[in-house]
Amino acid sequence: MNIRRLLLDVDKAIAGPSLIELAAAIDAVNGVEALNIVVTEIDIETMDLDVTIEGEGMNYDDIVSAIESAGAVVHSLDEIVVGSKILERIMPRR
């Protein structure tokens, strides 16, 4: 399966890892070509992050392992794009 894009809901402690450390850990995974980390919520002890990762032939388990090794946790997989090209989401008309 050729994973091209993942959108992950990731939680990390305020104390660490830094966003730079987390990005470096994800970027080191084979197949990752680009990533974007957005802080969506902050409370006293944790940060909630949306992590979008694009590439070709990415391995989901390797990405989760890299995130966990850096000291963060994947809360959920919110989007996956698979195939020979990236298919953008089309919102239905109402």
PDB file of N, CA and C in Angstrom:
ATOM      1  N   MET A   1       0.854  -1.177   0.000  1.00  0.00           N
ATOM      2  CA  MET A   1       0.000   0.000   0.000  1.00  0.00           C
ATOM      3  C   MET A   1       0.899   1.239   0.000  1.00  0.00           C
ATOM      4  N   ASN A   2       0.618   2.160  -0.903  1.00  0.00           N
ATOM      5  CA  ASN A   2       1.407   3.382  -1.021  1.00  0.00           C
ATOM      6  C   ASN A   2       0.729   4.518  -0.255  1.00  0.00           C
ATOM      7  N   ILE A   3       1.131   4.715   1.003  1.00  0.00           N
ATOM      8  CA  ILE A   3       0.579   5.802   1.819  1.00  0.00           C
ATOM      9  C   ILE A   3       1.225   7.102   1.372  1.00  0.00           C
ATOM     10  N   ARG A   4       0.381   8.069   1.005  1.00  0.00           N
ATOM     11  CA  ARG A   4       0.859   9.363   0.500  1.00  0.00           C
ATOM     12  C   ARG A   4       0.654  10.502   1.492  1.00  0.00           C
ATOM     13  N   ARG A   5      -0.418  10.424   2.313  1.00  0.00           N
ATOM     14  CA  ARG A   5      -0.675  11.487   3.299  1.00  0.00           C
ATOM     15  C   ARG A   5      -1.310  10.883   4.529  1.00  0.00           C
ATOM     16  N   LEU A   6      -0.896  11.383   5.686  1.00  0.00           N
ATOM     17  CA  LEU A   6      -1.505  11.035   6.962  1.00  0.00           C
ATOM     18  C   LEU A   6      -1.821  12.317   7.716  1.00  0.00           C
ATOM     19  N   LEU A   7      -2.973  12.359   8.363  1.00  0.00           N
ATOM     20  CA  LEU A   7      -3.295  13.423   9.308  1.00  0.00           C
ATOM     21  C   LEU A   7      -3.488  12.748  10.648  1.00  0.00           C
ATOM     22  N   LEU A   8      -2.611  13.073  11.585  1.00  0.00           N
ATOM     23  CA  LEU A   8      -2.629  12.447  12.900  1.00  0.00           C
ATOM     24  C   LEU A   8      -2.956  13.471  13.972  1.00  0.00           C
ATOM     25  N   ASP A   9      -3.743  13.062  14.943  1.00  0.00           N
ATOM     26  CA  ASP A   9      -3.987  13.846  16.150  1.00  0.00           C
ATOM     27  C   ASP A   9      -2.966  13.344  17.169  1.00  0.00           C
ATOM     28  N   VAL A  10      -2.035  14.204  17.546  1.00  0.00           N
ATOM     29  CA  VAL A  10      -0.923  13.815  18.411  1.00  0.00           C
ATOM     30  C   VAL A  10      -0.964  14.655  19.682  1.00  0.00           C
ATOM     31  N   ASP A  11      -0.701  14.016  20.812  1.00  0.00           N
ATOM     32  CA  ASP A  11      -0.597  14.711  22.098  1.00  0.00           C
ATOM     33  C   ASP A  11       0.839  14.646  22.580  1.00  0.00           C
ATOM     34  N   LYS A  12       1.309  15.768  23.146  1.00  0.00           N
ATOM     35  CA  LYS A  12       2.639  15.786  23.744  1.00  0.00           C
ATOM     36  C   LYS A  12       2.616  16.623  25.004  1.00  0.00           C
ATOM     37  N   ALA A  13       3.534  16.325  25.887  1.00  0.00           N
ATOM     38  CA  ALA A  13       3.654  17.101  27.121  1.00  0.00           C
ATOM     39  C   ALA A  13       4.229  18.476  26.802  1.00  0.00           C
ATOM     40  N   ILE A  14       3.817  19.479  27.561  1.00  0.00           N
ATOM     41  CA  ILE A  14       4.360  20.833  27.397  1.00  0.00           C
ATOM     42  C   ILE A  14       5.879  20.800  27.584  1.00  0.00           C
ATOM     43  N   ALA A  15       6.343  19.982  28.537  1.00  0.00           N
ATOM     44  CA  ALA A  15       7.764  19.927  28.882  1.00  0.00           C
ATOM     45  C   ALA A  15       8.636  19.359  27.764  1.00  0.00           C
ATOM     46  N   GLY A  16       8.083  18.607  26.874  1.00  0.00           N
ATOM     47  CA  GLY A  16       8.907  18.048  25.798  1.00  0.00           C
ATOM     48  C   GLY A  16       8.221  16.889  25.153  1.00  0.00           C
ATOM     49  N   PRO A  17       8.603  16.489  23.992  1.00  0.00           N
ATOM     50  CA  PRO A  17       9.668  17.061  23.170  1.00  0.00           C
ATOM     51  C   PRO A  17       9.246  18.406  22.580  1.00  0.00           C
ATOM     52  N   SER A  18      10.227  19.171  22.103  1.00  0.00           N
ATOM     53  CA  SER A  18       9.889  20.414  21.414  1.00  0.00           C
ATOM     54  C   SER A  18       9.288  20.056  20.052  1.00  0.00           C
ATOM     55  N   LEU A  19       8.623  21.022  19.442  1.00  0.00           N
ATOM     56  CA  LEU A  19       8.068  20.784  18.105  1.00  0.00           C
ATOM     57  C   LEU A  19       9.185  20.494  17.102  1.00  0.00           C
ATOM     58  N   ILE A  20      10.342  21.124  17.292  1.00  0.00           N
ATOM     59  CA  ILE A  20      11.486  20.880  16.408  1.00  0.00           C
ATOM     60  C   ILE A  20      11.964  19.437  16.544  1.00  0.00           C
ATOM     61  N   GLU A  21      12.061  18.940  17.783  1.00  0.00           N
ATOM     62  CA  GLU A  21      12.491  17.550  18.006  1.00  0.00           C
ATOM     63  C   GLU A  21      11.489  16.562  17.423  1.00  0.00           C
ATOM     64  N   LEU A  22      10.218  16.839  17.599  1.00  0.00           N
ATOM     65  CA  LEU A  22       9.185  15.958  17.054  1.00  0.00           C
ATOM     66  C   LEU A  22       9.236  15.962  15.525  1.00  0.00           C
ATOM     67  N   ALA A  23       9.369  17.136  14.931  1.00  0.00           N
ATOM     68  CA  ALA A  23       9.446  17.226  13.473  1.00  0.00           C
ATOM     69  C   ALA A  23      10.670  16.478  12.939  1.00  0.00           C
ATOM     70  N   ALA A  24      11.799  16.598  13.620  1.00  0.00           N
ATOM     71  CA  ALA A  24      13.019  15.910  13.186  1.00  0.00           C
ATOM     72  C   ALA A  24      12.846  14.395  13.242  1.00  0.00           C
ATOM     73  N   ALA A  25      12.172  13.898  14.290  1.00  0.00           N
ATOM     74  CA  ALA A  25      11.946  12.458  14.425  1.00  0.00           C
ATOM     75  C   ALA A  25      11.071  11.934  13.300  1.00  0.00           C
ATOM     76  N   ILE A  26      10.017  12.668  12.966  1.00  0.00           N
ATOM     77  CA  ILE A  26       9.115  12.243  11.882  1.00  0.00           C
ATOM     78  C   ILE A  26       9.826  12.347  10.532  1.00  0.00           C
ATOM     79  N   ASP A  27      10.563  13.428  10.325  1.00  0.00           N
ATOM     80  CA  ASP A  27      11.256  13.664   9.059  1.00  0.00           C
ATOM     81  C   ASP A  27      12.298  12.589   8.760  1.00  0.00           C
ATOM     82  N   ALA A  28      12.816  11.941   9.794  1.00  0.00           N
ATOM     83  CA  ALA A  28      13.843  10.905   9.623  1.00  0.00           C
ATOM     84  C   ALA A  28      13.274   9.572   9.127  1.00  0.00           C
ATOM     85  N   VAL A  29      11.951   9.420   9.110  1.00  0.00           N
ATOM     86  CA  VAL A  29      11.323   8.163   8.683  1.00  0.00           C
ATOM     87  C   VAL A  29      11.362   8.056   7.154  1.00  0.00           C
ATOM     88  N   ASN A  30      11.742   6.888   6.657  1.00  0.00           N
ATOM     89  CA  ASN A  30      11.785   6.650   5.214  1.00  0.00           C
ATOM     90  C   ASN A  30      10.448   6.958   4.564  1.00  0.00           C
ATOM     91  N   GLY A  31      10.494   7.649   3.427  1.00  0.00           N
ATOM     92  CA  GLY A  31       9.300   7.964   2.664  1.00  0.00           C
ATOM     93  C   GLY A  31       8.697   9.309   2.974  1.00  0.00           C
ATOM     94  N   VAL A  32       9.033   9.898   4.128  1.00  0.00           N
ATOM     95  CA  VAL A  32       8.478  11.201   4.498  1.00  0.00           C
ATOM     96  C   VAL A  32       9.162  12.281   3.662  1.00  0.00           C
ATOM     97  N   GLU A  33       8.352  13.077   2.956  1.00  0.00           N
ATOM     98  CA  GLU A  33       8.883  14.160   2.124  1.00  0.00           C
ATOM     99  C   GLU A  33       8.576  15.530   2.699  1.00  0.00           C
ATOM    100  N   ALA A  34       7.487  15.653   3.455  1.00  0.00           N
ATOM    101  CA  ALA A  34       7.106  16.941   4.040  1.00  0.00           C
ATOM    102  C   ALA A  34       6.171  16.695   5.211  1.00  0.00           C
ATOM    103  N   LEU A  35       6.181  17.623   6.160  1.00  0.00           N
ATOM    104  CA  LEU A  35       5.243  17.521   7.273  1.00  0.00           C
ATOM    105  C   LEU A  35       4.910  18.900   7.798  1.00  0.00           C
ATOM    106  N   ASN A  36       3.767  18.964   8.446  1.00  0.00           N
ATOM    107  CA  ASN A  36       3.262  20.209   9.016  1.00  0.00           C
ATOM    108  C   ASN A  36       2.710  19.882  10.399  1.00  0.00           C
ATOM    109  N   ILE A  37       3.125  20.637  11.400  1.00  0.00           N
ATOM    110  CA  ILE A  37       2.620  20.447  12.757  1.00  0.00           C
ATOM    111  C   ILE A  37       1.915  21.731  13.177  1.00  0.00           C
ATOM    112  N   VAL A  38       0.643  21.596  13.592  1.00  0.00           N
ATOM    113  CA  VAL A  38      -0.150  22.732  14.035  1.00  0.00           C
ATOM    114  C   VAL A  38      -0.626  22.467  15.456  1.00  0.00           C
ATOM    115  N   VAL A  39      -0.367  23.409  16.349  1.00  0.00           N
ATOM    116  CA  VAL A  39      -0.868  23.306  17.723  1.00  0.00           C
ATOM    117  C   VAL A  39      -2.340  23.699  17.698  1.00  0.00           C
ATOM    118  N   THR A  40      -3.205  22.774  18.130  1.00  0.00           N
ATOM    119  CA  THR A  40      -4.648  23.041  18.095  1.00  0.00           C
ATOM    120  C   THR A  40      -5.223  23.360  19.467  1.00  0.00           C
ATOM    121  N   GLU A  41      -4.519  22.947  20.519  1.00  0.00           N
ATOM    122  CA  GLU A  41      -5.009  23.213  21.879  1.00  0.00           C
ATOM    123  C   GLU A  41      -3.851  23.073  22.854  1.00  0.00           C
ATOM    124  N   ILE A  42      -3.870  23.919  23.874  1.00  0.00           N
ATOM    125  CA  ILE A  42      -2.862  23.851  24.937  1.00  0.00           C
ATOM    126  C   ILE A  42      -3.594  23.898  26.269  1.00  0.00           C
ATOM    127  N   ASP A  43      -3.218  22.976  27.175  1.00  0.00           N
ATOM    128  CA  ASP A  43      -3.701  23.098  28.547  1.00  0.00           C
ATOM    129  C   ASP A  43      -2.480  23.131  29.464  1.00  0.00           C
ATOM    130  N   ILE A  44      -2.669  22.945  30.727  1.00  0.00           N
ATOM    131  CA  ILE A  44      -1.579  23.104  31.694  1.00  0.00           C
ATOM    132  C   ILE A  44      -0.428  22.140  31.439  1.00  0.00           C
ATOM    133  N   GLU A  45      -0.729  20.898  31.058  1.00  0.00           N
ATOM    134  CA  GLU A  45       0.316  19.888  30.931  1.00  0.00           C
ATOM    135  C   GLU A  45       0.557  19.378  29.522  1.00  0.00           C
ATOM    136  N   THR A  46      -0.412  19.548  28.612  1.00  0.00           N
ATOM    137  CA  THR A  46      -0.273  18.926  27.292  1.00  0.00           C
ATOM    138  C   THR A  46      -0.592  19.886  26.155  1.00  0.00           C
ATOM    139  N   MET A  47      -0.099  19.515  24.971  1.00  0.00           N
ATOM    140  CA  MET A  47      -0.420  20.210  23.731  1.00  0.00           C
ATOM    141  C   MET A  47      -1.071  19.195  22.799  1.00  0.00           C
ATOM    142  N   ASP A  48      -2.147  19.610  22.140  1.00  0.00           N
ATOM    143  CA  ASP A  48      -2.798  18.784  21.126  1.00  0.00           C
ATOM    144  C   ASP A  48      -2.325  19.304  19.779  1.00  0.00           C
ATOM    145  N   LEU A  49      -1.868  18.391  18.915  1.00  0.00           N
ATOM    146  CA  LEU A  49      -1.279  18.758  17.637  1.00  0.00           C
ATOM    147  C   LEU A  49      -1.976  18.050  16.491  1.00  0.00           C
ATOM    148  N   ASP A  50      -2.150  18.749  15.369  1.00  0.00           N
ATOM    149  CA  ASP A  50      -2.518  18.121  14.108  1.00  0.00           C
ATOM    150  C   ASP A  50      -1.227  17.992  13.313  1.00  0.00           C
ATOM    151  N   VAL A  51      -0.867  16.764  12.964  1.00  0.00           N
ATOM    152  CA  VAL A  51       0.366  16.505  12.230  1.00  0.00           C
ATOM    153  C   VAL A  51      -0.008  15.945  10.860  1.00  0.00           C
ATOM    154  N   THR A  52       0.286  16.709   9.804  1.00  0.00           N
ATOM    155  CA  THR A  52       0.047  16.270   8.440  1.00  0.00           C
ATOM    156  C   THR A  52       1.388  15.860   7.845  1.00  0.00           C
ATOM    157  N   ILE A  53       1.435  14.658   7.298  1.00  0.00           N
ATOM    158  CA  ILE A  53       2.675  14.112   6.749  1.00  0.00           C
ATOM    159  C   ILE A  53       2.395  13.662   5.327  1.00  0.00           C
ATOM    160  N   GLU A  54       3.267  14.071   4.396  1.00  0.00           N
ATOM    161  CA  GLU A  54       3.133  13.636   3.010  1.00  0.00           C
ATOM    162  C   GLU A  54       4.426  12.989   2.553  1.00  0.00           C
ATOM    163  N   GLY A  55       4.291  12.053   1.638  1.00  0.00           N
ATOM    164  CA  GLY A  55       5.448  11.374   1.085  1.00  0.00           C
ATOM    165  C   GLY A  55       5.000  10.293   0.139  1.00  0.00           C
ATOM    166  N   GLU A  56       5.857   9.308  -0.021  1.00  0.00           N
ATOM    167  CA  GLU A  56       5.530   8.189  -0.894  1.00  0.00           C
ATOM    168  C   GLU A  56       6.037   6.906  -0.250  1.00  0.00           C
ATOM    169  N   GLY A  57       5.146   5.912  -0.187  1.00  0.00           N
ATOM    170  CA  GLY A  57       5.539   4.634   0.393  1.00  0.00           C
ATOM    171  C   GLY A  57       5.827   4.711   1.878  1.00  0.00           C
ATOM    172  N   MET A  58       5.134   5.607   2.576  1.00  0.00           N
ATOM    173  CA  MET A  58       5.369   5.763   4.018  1.00  0.00           C
ATOM    174  C   MET A  58       4.809   4.555   4.767  1.00  0.00           C
ATOM    175  N   ASN A  59       5.434   4.230   5.890  1.00  0.00           N
ATOM    176  CA  ASN A  59       4.993   3.132   6.739  1.00  0.00           C
ATOM    177  C   ASN A  59       4.384   3.724   8.005  1.00  0.00           C
ATOM    178  N   TYR A  60       3.083   3.489   8.195  1.00  0.00           N
ATOM    179  CA  TYR A  60       2.367   4.055   9.338  1.00  0.00           C
ATOM    180  C   TYR A  60       3.009   3.649  10.662  1.00  0.00           C
ATOM    181  N   ASP A  61       3.337   2.388  10.821  1.00  0.00           N
ATOM    182  CA  ASP A  61       3.911   1.919  12.085  1.00  0.00           C
ATOM    183  C   ASP A  61       5.253   2.575  12.374  1.00  0.00           C
ATOM    184  N   ASP A  62       6.065   2.802  11.342  1.00  0.00           N
ATOM    185  CA  ASP A  62       7.357   3.479  11.533  1.00  0.00           C
ATOM    186  C   ASP A  62       7.156   4.923  11.989  1.00  0.00           C
ATOM    187  N   ILE A  63       6.149   5.579  11.440  1.00  0.00           N
ATOM    188  CA  ILE A  63       5.864   6.959  11.833  1.00  0.00           C
ATOM    189  C   ILE A  63       5.381   7.021  13.270  1.00  0.00           C
ATOM    190  N   VAL A  64       4.482   6.121  13.648  1.00  0.00           N
ATOM    191  CA  VAL A  64       3.997   6.075  15.032  1.00  0.00           C
ATOM    192  C   VAL A  64       5.160   5.791  15.982  1.00  0.00           C
ATOM    193  N   SER A  65       6.031   4.870  15.618  1.00  0.00           N
ATOM    194  CA  SER A  65       7.199   4.550  16.462  1.00  0.00           C
ATOM    195  C   SER A  65       8.105   5.758  16.630  1.00  0.00           C
ATOM    196  N   ALA A  66       8.314   6.521  15.561  1.00  0.00           N
ATOM    197  CA  ALA A  66       9.156   7.718  15.642  1.00  0.00           C
ATOM    198  C   ALA A  66       8.537   8.760  16.566  1.00  0.00           C
ATOM    199  N   ILE A  67       7.224   8.935  16.470  1.00  0.00           N
ATOM    200  CA  ILE A  67       6.524   9.897  17.329  1.00  0.00           C
ATOM    201  C   ILE A  67       6.627   9.473  18.787  1.00  0.00           C
ATOM    202  N   GLU A  68       6.393   8.186  19.045  1.00  0.00           N
ATOM    203  CA  GLU A  68       6.465   7.682  20.421  1.00  0.00           C
ATOM    204  C   GLU A  68       7.888   7.730  20.960  1.00  0.00           C
ATOM    205  N   SER A  69       8.879   7.441  20.121  1.00  0.00           N
ATOM    206  CA  SER A  69      10.278   7.504  20.555  1.00  0.00           C
ATOM    207  C   SER A  69      10.686   8.927  20.928  1.00  0.00           C
ATOM    208  N   ALA A  70      10.060   9.909  20.268  1.00  0.00           N
ATOM    209  CA  ALA A  70      10.347  11.312  20.576  1.00  0.00           C
ATOM    210  C   ALA A  70       9.668  11.761  21.865  1.00  0.00           C
ATOM    211  N   GLY A  71       8.702  10.977  22.358  1.00  0.00           N
ATOM    212  CA  GLY A  71       8.034  11.319  23.608  1.00  0.00           C
ATOM    213  C   GLY A  71       6.626  11.848  23.466  1.00  0.00           C
ATOM    214  N   ALA A  72       6.004  11.643  22.307  1.00  0.00           N
ATOM    215  CA  ALA A  72       4.618  12.064  22.089  1.00  0.00           C
ATOM    216  C   ALA A  72       3.764  10.819  21.841  1.00  0.00           C
ATOM    217  N   VAL A  73       2.446  11.013  21.701  1.00  0.00           N
ATOM    218  CA  VAL A  73       1.521   9.895  21.549  1.00  0.00           C
ATOM    219  C   VAL A  73       0.532  10.201  20.433  1.00  0.00           C
ATOM    220  N   VAL A  74       0.302   9.222  19.552  1.00  0.00           N
ATOM    221  CA  VAL A  74      -0.717   9.365  18.515  1.00  0.00           C
ATOM    222  C   VAL A  74      -2.071   9.063  19.150  1.00  0.00           C
ATOM    223  N   HIS A  75      -2.947  10.048  19.121  1.00  0.00           N
ATOM    224  CA  HIS A  75      -4.284   9.893  19.684  1.00  0.00           C
ATOM    225  C   HIS A  75      -5.222   9.267  18.670  1.00  0.00           C
ATOM    226  N   SER A  76      -5.132   9.696  17.383  1.00  0.00           N
ATOM    227  CA  SER A  76      -5.984   9.107  16.356  1.00  0.00           C
ATOM    228  C   SER A  76      -5.420   9.385  14.967  1.00  0.00           C
ATOM    229  N   LEU A  77      -5.830   8.537  14.025  1.00  0.00           N
ATOM    230  CA  LEU A  77      -5.556   8.722  12.601  1.00  0.00           C
ATOM    231  C   LEU A  77      -6.807   9.353  12.014  1.00  0.00           C
ATOM    232  N   ASP A  78      -6.714  10.611  11.566  1.00  0.00           N
ATOM    233  CA  ASP A  78      -7.883  11.352  11.114  1.00  0.00           C
ATOM    234  C   ASP A  78      -8.031  11.420   9.596  1.00  0.00           C
ATOM    235  N   GLU A  79      -6.949  11.140   8.856  1.00  0.00           N
ATOM    236  CA  GLU A  79      -7.033  11.104   7.397  1.00  0.00           C
ATOM    237  C   GLU A  79      -5.891  10.239   6.873  1.00  0.00           C
ATOM    238  N   ILE A  80      -6.181   9.478   5.831  1.00  0.00           N
ATOM    239  CA  ILE A  80      -5.154   8.720   5.126  1.00  0.00           C
ATOM    240  C   ILE A  80      -5.457   8.817   3.640  1.00  0.00           C
ATOM    241  N   VAL A  81      -4.419   9.091   2.848  1.00  0.00           N
ATOM    242  CA  VAL A  81      -4.528   9.122   1.395  1.00  0.00           C
ATOM    243  C   VAL A  81      -3.561   8.074   0.863  1.00  0.00           C
ATOM    244  N   VAL A  82      -4.087   7.180   0.032  1.00  0.00           N
ATOM    245  CA  VAL A  82      -3.313   6.055  -0.489  1.00  0.00           C
ATOM    246  C   VAL A  82      -3.473   6.008  -2.003  1.00  0.00           C
ATOM    247  N   GLY A  83      -2.407   5.651  -2.704  1.00  0.00           N
ATOM    248  CA  GLY A  83      -2.508   5.446  -4.148  1.00  0.00           C
ATOM    249  C   GLY A  83      -1.338   6.038  -4.892  1.00  0.00           C
ATOM    250  N   SER A  84      -1.511   6.185  -6.206  1.00  0.00           N
ATOM    251  CA  SER A  84      -0.429   6.686  -7.047  1.00  0.00           C
ATOM    252  C   SER A  84      -0.400   8.210  -7.111  1.00  0.00           C
ATOM    253  N   LYS A  85      -1.447   8.866  -6.598  1.00  0.00           N
ATOM    254  CA  LYS A  85      -1.475  10.324  -6.533  1.00  0.00           C
ATOM    255  C   LYS A  85      -2.220  10.741  -5.271  1.00  0.00           C
ATOM    256  N   ILE A  86      -2.107  12.024  -4.945  1.00  0.00           N
ATOM    257  CA  ILE A  86      -2.806  12.543  -3.770  1.00  0.00           C
ATOM    258  C   ILE A  86      -4.176  13.046  -4.209  1.00  0.00           C
ATOM    259  N   LEU A  87      -5.197  12.499  -3.599  1.00  0.00           N
ATOM    260  CA  LEU A  87      -6.574  12.870  -3.884  1.00  0.00           C
ATOM    261  C   LEU A  87      -7.036  13.832  -2.789  1.00  0.00           C
ATOM    262  N   GLU A  88      -7.417  15.035  -3.183  1.00  0.00           N
ATOM    263  CA  GLU A  88      -7.899  16.026  -2.216  1.00  0.00           C
ATOM    264  C   GLU A  88      -9.348  15.732  -1.852  1.00  0.00           C
ATOM    265  N   ARG A  89      -9.693  16.028  -0.635  1.00  0.00           N
ATOM    266  CA  ARG A  89     -11.052  15.818  -0.152  1.00  0.00           C
ATOM    267  C   ARG A  89     -11.993  16.815  -0.804  1.00  0.00           C
ATOM    268  N   ILE A  90     -13.119  16.333  -1.289  1.00  0.00           N
ATOM    269  CA  ILE A  90     -14.133  17.187  -1.873  1.00  0.00           C
ATOM    270  C   ILE A  90     -15.338  17.213  -0.938  1.00  0.00           C
ATOM    271  N   MET A  91     -15.705  18.395  -0.501  1.00  0.00           N
ATOM    272  CA  MET A  91     -16.834  18.542   0.409  1.00  0.00           C
ATOM    273  C   MET A  91     -18.129  18.445  -0.388  1.00  0.00           C
ATOM    274  N   PRO A  92     -19.101  17.636   0.093  1.00  0.00           N
ATOM    275  CA  PRO A  92     -20.377  17.516  -0.618  1.00  0.00           C
ATOM    276  C   PRO A  92     -21.176  18.817  -0.534  1.00  0.00           C
ATOM    277  N   ARG A  93     -21.952  19.079  -1.585  1.00  0.00           N
ATOM    278  CA  ARG A  93     -22.829  20.261  -1.569  1.00  0.00           C
ATOM    279  C   ARG A  93     -24.014  19.985  -0.688  1.00  0.00           C
ATOM    280  N   ARG A  94     -24.477  21.017  -0.056  1.00  0.00           N
ATOM    281  CA  ARG A  94     -25.662  20.875   0.794  1.00  0.00           C
ATOM    282  C   ARG A  94     -26.743  21.766   0.318  1.00  0.00           C
TER     283      ARG A  94
END
